[in-house]
Amino acid sequence: MLASSTSSSGSKLNGLESVRTKDTGTLHYAVYFTSDQTECIVHEHYRNSEALLEHMANLGDAMQAIFETRTASGEILGTPSPALRKALEGTVVKIFTPYQVM
């Protein structure tokens, strides 16, 4: 399960600390900022849908604050479980399911 999000803001969220100390199924987590630090992309890769649900629960209020105070979007690349699909209902996250994979 691959996830990424884009945000416009002048401040940084230290999601990496949460990933290091709480997540059990995060395979890759990287934050990239533009040179003026007004936009960022978070590139994440999870073992499965349950691992992404765990990550979402671990960030909890911080993620809600991000989406309430900043322009943000997200994409899921993969085949999310029914539970993950339900958790993403009403969010700005787009789901892209596999078409061709090598």
N, C-alpha and C. Protein backbone atom coordinates (compact mmCIF):
# COMPACT_ATOMS: atom_id res chain seq x y z
N MET A 1 0.86 -1.16 0.00
CA MET A 1 0.00 0.00 0.00
C MET A 1 0.90 1.22 0.00
N LEU A 2 0.75 2.07 -0.98
CA LEU A 2 1.55 3.28 -1.10
C LEU A 2 0.64 4.48 -0.89
N ALA A 3 1.06 5.38 -0.05
CA ALA A 3 0.27 6.59 0.20
C ALA A 3 1.17 7.79 0.06
N SER A 4 0.59 8.89 -0.39
CA SER A 4 1.34 10.13 -0.40
C SER A 4 0.36 11.25 -0.14
N SER A 5 0.89 12.31 0.41
CA SER A 5 0.04 13.48 0.66
C SER A 5 0.82 14.73 0.34
N THR A 6 0.09 15.75 -0.01
CA THR A 6 0.67 17.03 -0.35
C THR A 6 0.04 18.09 0.52
N SER A 7 0.84 19.00 1.03
CA SER A 7 0.31 20.03 1.92
C SER A 7 0.99 21.35 1.65
N SER A 8 0.23 22.43 1.77
CA SER A 8 0.78 23.77 1.70
C SER A 8 0.75 24.37 3.09
N SER A 9 1.91 24.67 3.62
CA SER A 9 1.96 25.27 4.96
C SER A 9 3.35 25.80 5.21
N GLY A 10 3.47 26.58 6.24
CA GLY A 10 4.76 27.08 6.63
C GLY A 10 5.33 26.31 7.82
N SER A 11 4.60 25.32 8.32
CA SER A 11 5.08 24.59 9.49
C SER A 11 5.21 23.11 9.19
N LYS A 12 6.00 22.43 9.99
CA LYS A 12 6.27 21.01 9.77
C LYS A 12 5.66 20.18 10.87
N LEU A 13 5.13 19.03 10.50
CA LEU A 13 4.64 18.06 11.47
C LEU A 13 5.68 16.95 11.55
N ASN A 14 6.08 16.58 12.75
CA ASN A 14 7.07 15.53 12.90
C ASN A 14 6.39 14.17 12.94
N GLY A 15 5.87 13.73 11.80
CA GLY A 15 5.25 12.42 11.69
C GLY A 15 6.27 11.31 11.81
N LEU A 16 7.52 11.60 11.48
CA LEU A 16 8.56 10.59 11.53
C LEU A 16 8.74 10.04 12.94
N GLU A 17 8.62 10.89 13.94
CA GLU A 17 8.74 10.43 15.33
C GLU A 17 7.65 9.42 15.66
N SER A 18 6.43 9.70 15.22
CA SER A 18 5.33 8.77 15.44
C SER A 18 5.59 7.45 14.70
N VAL A 19 6.07 7.55 13.47
CA VAL A 19 6.37 6.35 12.69
C VAL A 19 7.41 5.50 13.41
N ARG A 20 8.46 6.13 13.89
CA ARG A 20 9.55 5.40 14.57
C ARG A 20 9.11 4.73 15.86
N THR A 21 8.26 5.41 16.61
CA THR A 21 7.94 4.92 17.95
C THR A 21 6.64 4.14 18.07
N LYS A 22 5.71 4.31 17.11
CA LYS A 22 4.40 3.69 17.26
C LYS A 22 4.02 2.73 16.14
N ASP A 23 4.37 3.06 14.90
CA ASP A 23 3.93 2.24 13.77
C ASP A 23 4.67 0.91 13.72
N THR A 24 3.95 -0.14 13.34
CA THR A 24 4.58 -1.46 13.21
C THR A 24 4.63 -1.94 11.76
N GLY A 25 3.89 -1.29 10.86
CA GLY A 25 3.84 -1.76 9.48
C GLY A 25 4.24 -0.73 8.44
N THR A 26 4.93 0.32 8.86
CA THR A 26 5.39 1.34 7.91
C THR A 26 6.72 0.89 7.33
N LEU A 27 6.78 0.77 6.01
CA LEU A 27 7.99 0.31 5.33
C LEU A 27 8.87 1.48 4.88
N HIS A 28 8.26 2.62 4.58
CA HIS A 28 8.99 3.78 4.09
C HIS A 28 8.20 5.02 4.46
N TYR A 29 8.89 6.06 4.95
CA TYR A 29 8.24 7.32 5.30
C TYR A 29 9.25 8.43 5.06
N ALA A 30 8.93 9.34 4.15
CA ALA A 30 9.85 10.43 3.82
C ALA A 30 9.06 11.70 3.58
N VAL A 31 9.60 12.82 4.08
CA VAL A 31 8.97 14.13 3.92
C VAL A 31 9.90 14.99 3.06
N TYR A 32 9.34 15.60 2.02
CA TYR A 32 10.09 16.45 1.11
C TYR A 32 9.47 17.85 1.12
N PHE A 33 10.29 18.89 1.24
CA PHE A 33 9.82 20.28 1.21
C PHE A 33 10.40 21.02 0.01
N THR A 34 9.65 22.00 -0.49
CA THR A 34 10.18 22.91 -1.49
C THR A 34 11.23 23.78 -0.82
N SER A 35 12.05 24.47 -1.62
CA SER A 35 13.15 25.26 -1.05
C SER A 35 12.65 26.37 -0.12
N ASP A 36 11.45 26.90 -0.37
CA ASP A 36 10.93 27.94 0.52
C ASP A 36 10.09 27.35 1.67
N GLN A 37 10.00 26.06 1.75
CA GLN A 37 9.30 25.31 2.80
C GLN A 37 7.82 25.67 2.94
N THR A 38 7.19 26.03 1.82
CA THR A 38 5.76 26.34 1.86
C THR A 38 4.90 25.16 1.39
N GLU A 39 5.52 24.17 0.77
CA GLU A 39 4.80 22.99 0.31
C GLU A 39 5.62 21.75 0.65
N CYS A 40 4.90 20.67 0.91
CA CYS A 40 5.62 19.42 1.17
C CYS A 40 4.86 18.25 0.58
N ILE A 41 5.59 17.18 0.37
CA ILE A 41 5.04 15.90 -0.04
C ILE A 41 5.54 14.87 0.97
N VAL A 42 4.63 14.05 1.46
CA VAL A 42 4.99 12.95 2.35
C VAL A 42 4.78 11.67 1.55
N HIS A 43 5.86 10.91 1.37
CA HIS A 43 5.81 9.66 0.62
C HIS A 43 5.87 8.52 1.62
N GLU A 44 4.85 7.66 1.60
CA GLU A 44 4.73 6.61 2.59
C GLU A 44 4.45 5.27 1.90
N HIS A 45 4.95 4.20 2.47
CA HIS A 45 4.71 2.86 1.94
C HIS A 45 4.42 1.95 3.13
N TYR A 46 3.30 1.25 3.07
CA TYR A 46 2.85 0.42 4.19
C TYR A 46 2.76 -1.04 3.78
N ARG A 47 2.94 -1.91 4.75
CA ARG A 47 2.86 -3.36 4.52
C ARG A 47 1.50 -3.74 3.96
N ASN A 48 0.43 -3.14 4.48
CA ASN A 48 -0.93 -3.46 4.04
C ASN A 48 -1.88 -2.37 4.55
N SER A 49 -3.15 -2.56 4.27
CA SER A 49 -4.15 -1.57 4.68
C SER A 49 -4.20 -1.40 6.19
N GLU A 50 -4.05 -2.49 6.91
CA GLU A 50 -4.10 -2.42 8.38
C GLU A 50 -2.97 -1.54 8.92
N ALA A 51 -1.80 -1.61 8.29
CA ALA A 51 -0.67 -0.78 8.72
C ALA A 51 -0.96 0.70 8.51
N LEU A 52 -1.61 1.03 7.40
CA LEU A 52 -1.98 2.43 7.16
C LEU A 52 -3.06 2.88 8.15
N LEU A 53 -4.01 2.01 8.45
CA LEU A 53 -5.02 2.35 9.47
C LEU A 53 -4.36 2.60 10.82
N GLU A 54 -3.36 1.79 11.17
CA GLU A 54 -2.64 1.98 12.42
C GLU A 54 -1.94 3.34 12.42
N HIS A 55 -1.28 3.68 11.31
CA HIS A 55 -0.59 4.97 11.19
C HIS A 55 -1.58 6.12 11.35
N MET A 56 -2.73 6.01 10.69
CA MET A 56 -3.74 7.05 10.80
C MET A 56 -4.21 7.21 12.24
N ALA A 57 -4.38 6.11 12.95
CA ALA A 57 -4.80 6.17 14.35
C ALA A 57 -3.70 6.78 15.22
N ASN A 58 -2.44 6.46 14.92
CA ASN A 58 -1.33 6.99 15.71
C ASN A 58 -1.17 8.50 15.55
N LEU A 59 -1.46 9.01 14.37
CA LEU A 59 -1.34 10.45 14.15
C LEU A 59 -2.59 11.20 14.58
N GLY A 60 -3.71 10.51 14.58
CA GLY A 60 -4.98 11.01 15.10
C GLY A 60 -5.24 12.48 14.96
N ASP A 61 -5.20 13.20 16.08
CA ASP A 61 -5.54 14.63 16.11
C ASP A 61 -4.61 15.47 15.24
N ALA A 62 -3.37 15.07 15.11
CA ALA A 62 -2.42 15.85 14.30
C ALA A 62 -2.87 15.86 12.84
N MET A 63 -3.31 14.73 12.32
CA MET A 63 -3.78 14.69 10.93
C MET A 63 -5.04 15.52 10.76
N GLN A 64 -5.93 15.46 11.70
CA GLN A 64 -7.16 16.26 11.63
C GLN A 64 -6.81 17.74 11.58
N ALA A 65 -5.86 18.16 12.40
CA ALA A 65 -5.44 19.57 12.43
C ALA A 65 -4.83 19.98 11.09
N ILE A 66 -4.06 19.10 10.50
CA ILE A 66 -3.45 19.41 9.20
C ILE A 66 -4.53 19.67 8.16
N PHE A 67 -5.49 18.75 8.07
CA PHE A 67 -6.52 18.89 7.06
C PHE A 67 -7.48 20.05 7.35
N GLU A 68 -7.57 20.49 8.59
CA GLU A 68 -8.44 21.62 8.93
C GLU A 68 -7.75 22.97 8.73
N THR A 69 -6.43 23.02 8.79
CA THR A 69 -5.73 24.30 8.76
C THR A 69 -4.87 24.51 7.52
N ARG A 70 -4.77 23.52 6.67
CA ARG A 70 -3.92 23.64 5.49
C ARG A 70 -4.64 23.08 4.27
N THR A 71 -4.18 23.48 3.11
CA THR A 71 -4.65 22.86 1.89
C THR A 71 -3.89 21.55 1.75
N ALA A 72 -4.61 20.45 1.67
CA ALA A 72 -3.94 19.15 1.62
C ALA A 72 -4.72 18.20 0.72
N SER A 73 -4.00 17.24 0.18
CA SER A 73 -4.62 16.18 -0.60
C SER A 73 -3.81 14.91 -0.38
N GLY A 74 -4.37 13.80 -0.77
CA GLY A 74 -3.66 12.55 -0.60
C GLY A 74 -4.07 11.54 -1.66
N GLU A 75 -3.20 10.59 -1.90
CA GLU A 75 -3.47 9.53 -2.85
C GLU A 75 -3.08 8.19 -2.25
N ILE A 76 -3.87 7.18 -2.52
CA ILE A 76 -3.57 5.81 -2.14
C ILE A 76 -3.35 5.04 -3.44
N LEU A 77 -2.24 4.35 -3.55
CA LEU A 77 -1.97 3.51 -4.71
C LEU A 77 -2.00 2.07 -4.22
N GLY A 78 -2.99 1.32 -4.67
CA GLY A 78 -3.10 -0.07 -4.23
C GLY A 78 -4.56 -0.48 -4.16
N THR A 79 -4.80 -1.59 -3.48
CA THR A 79 -6.15 -2.10 -3.31
C THR A 79 -6.49 -2.07 -1.82
N PRO A 80 -7.08 -0.98 -1.35
CA PRO A 80 -7.37 -0.85 0.07
C PRO A 80 -8.43 -1.84 0.54
N SER A 81 -8.32 -2.26 1.77
CA SER A 81 -9.31 -3.14 2.38
C SER A 81 -10.62 -2.38 2.55
N PRO A 82 -11.72 -3.09 2.74
CA PRO A 82 -12.99 -2.41 3.01
C PRO A 82 -12.89 -1.48 4.23
N ALA A 83 -12.17 -1.88 5.25
CA ALA A 83 -12.03 -1.04 6.45
C ALA A 83 -11.30 0.26 6.13
N LEU A 84 -10.25 0.20 5.30
CA LEU A 84 -9.52 1.41 4.93
C LEU A 84 -10.38 2.29 4.04
N ARG A 85 -11.09 1.70 3.10
CA ARG A 85 -12.00 2.49 2.26
C ARG A 85 -13.01 3.24 3.12
N LYS A 86 -13.57 2.56 4.11
CA LYS A 86 -14.55 3.19 5.00
C LYS A 86 -13.91 4.34 5.78
N ALA A 87 -12.69 4.13 6.27
CA ALA A 87 -11.99 5.17 7.03
C ALA A 87 -11.69 6.39 6.18
N LEU A 88 -11.56 6.21 4.88
CA LEU A 88 -11.23 7.32 3.99
C LEU A 88 -12.45 8.04 3.43
N GLU A 89 -13.64 7.51 3.71
CA GLU A 89 -14.86 8.16 3.22
C GLU A 89 -14.94 9.60 3.73
N GLY A 90 -15.27 10.50 2.84
CA GLY A 90 -15.42 11.90 3.22
C GLY A 90 -14.12 12.67 3.32
N THR A 91 -12.99 12.04 2.98
CA THR A 91 -11.71 12.73 3.01
C THR A 91 -11.33 13.20 1.61
N VAL A 92 -10.23 13.92 1.53
CA VAL A 92 -9.73 14.40 0.23
C VAL A 92 -8.80 13.39 -0.43
N VAL A 93 -8.72 12.20 0.11
CA VAL A 93 -7.80 11.18 -0.40
C VAL A 93 -8.43 10.48 -1.60
N LYS A 94 -7.67 10.40 -2.70
CA LYS A 94 -8.09 9.68 -3.90
C LYS A 94 -7.47 8.29 -3.87
N ILE A 95 -8.21 7.30 -4.34
CA ILE A 95 -7.71 5.93 -4.40
C ILE A 95 -7.47 5.56 -5.86
N PHE A 96 -6.26 5.11 -6.14
CA PHE A 96 -5.89 4.63 -7.46
C PHE A 96 -5.60 3.13 -7.35
N THR A 97 -6.43 2.30 -7.98
CA THR A 97 -6.22 0.86 -7.92
C THR A 97 -5.35 0.41 -9.09
N PRO A 98 -4.66 -0.71 -8.94
CA PRO A 98 -3.72 -1.16 -9.99
C PRO A 98 -4.43 -1.40 -11.32
N TYR A 99 -3.77 -0.99 -12.37
CA TYR A 99 -4.22 -1.25 -13.73
C TYR A 99 -3.21 -2.14 -14.43
N GLN A 100 -1.96 -1.70 -14.43
CA GLN A 100 -0.86 -2.50 -14.97
C GLN A 100 0.29 -2.41 -13.99
N VAL A 101 0.79 -3.54 -13.57
CA VAL A 101 1.89 -3.59 -12.61
C VAL A 101 2.90 -4.62 -13.08
N MET A 102 4.17 -4.29 -13.02
CA MET A 102 5.20 -5.23 -13.44
C MET A 102 6.09 -5.56 -12.27
